[in-house]
């Protein structure tokens, strides 16, 4: 497996190597393994008999029981399956924004952070033999890597992340709808984005994912400057995603900007809580291992409740 790459940093991997990603809900996957599925199917683990009803697969009839009881029963098995995860990474133009690499922040942009987070998650999931795929999007899907569980699959994800460059507007609803309708198997969906998108489409798309039974995580990646707005002096703000430029005194806008930002974040948190979606606001100055440790502890606590 590749251990060095622009978006797979050895120092991050060294700190998170012991973490495991576990879904809170029971999920379906591709392989026999560590995650229990609620669906009965062909497996090596027999569970129980059930009386035959028209429409049952005749290949599952237990003829030995029939020979002894003169009654027709079918065998039921419990299927052990691995987690199937789809990483959805925002590469719209707004993800280009960043305060730049500093002593406090090692990432150049939000996309640099989001891609490193996605690569680290992919590494961990493949390390525990789970299946992981990638969808990178702006106003449409730009890259799609189908889920696989082989460890060499990490190279495909890394190459796709490095090949893309943020440059277009964002249309998140069509992307989330595509992912929701792409297959019947339930799994874990991880959305990594700055969420600078129209709320109706975002909420509708997330609801659709939950309606399809997916376990949904939202990592809301924002630069410190976007959250704190600590600009001083006359400043020219250059618009991204076809927005115009603004020349202003940021100190006169700070209170209104922060009030609007906090209102939006509160709305996101309330919506995700109502939909049983894991949501976390992430600063690009936060260490990725700390973000994942917080995530894992939260998931374990939720599983125990």
Foldseek 3Di string as FASTA:
>chain_A
DDQDALLRHNVQCVLQVPDADDFLDQFAADDADDGWHPDWDDDPAWDDKDFDDPPDDPVQWDVVVCVVPVGTIGTTGTGHHAFEEEEEEEQAFQQQDAPADDPLFRAGGNLSLLSSLVLSNLQNCLVRQHWYWYFYDFCHTDDTGGTDNHNVSSVVSRVVSVVDHHYAHHQVLVVLVCVLPVDLTEHEYEYEELPPDDPVSVLVSVLSNVVSPHAYEYENEDEPCQQQVPDADFDWAPDGNPDHIDTDGSVVCRVVSNVVVVVVVVVVVVSCVVSVHHYDYDYSSDRSSVVVVVVSVVSVVSSVD
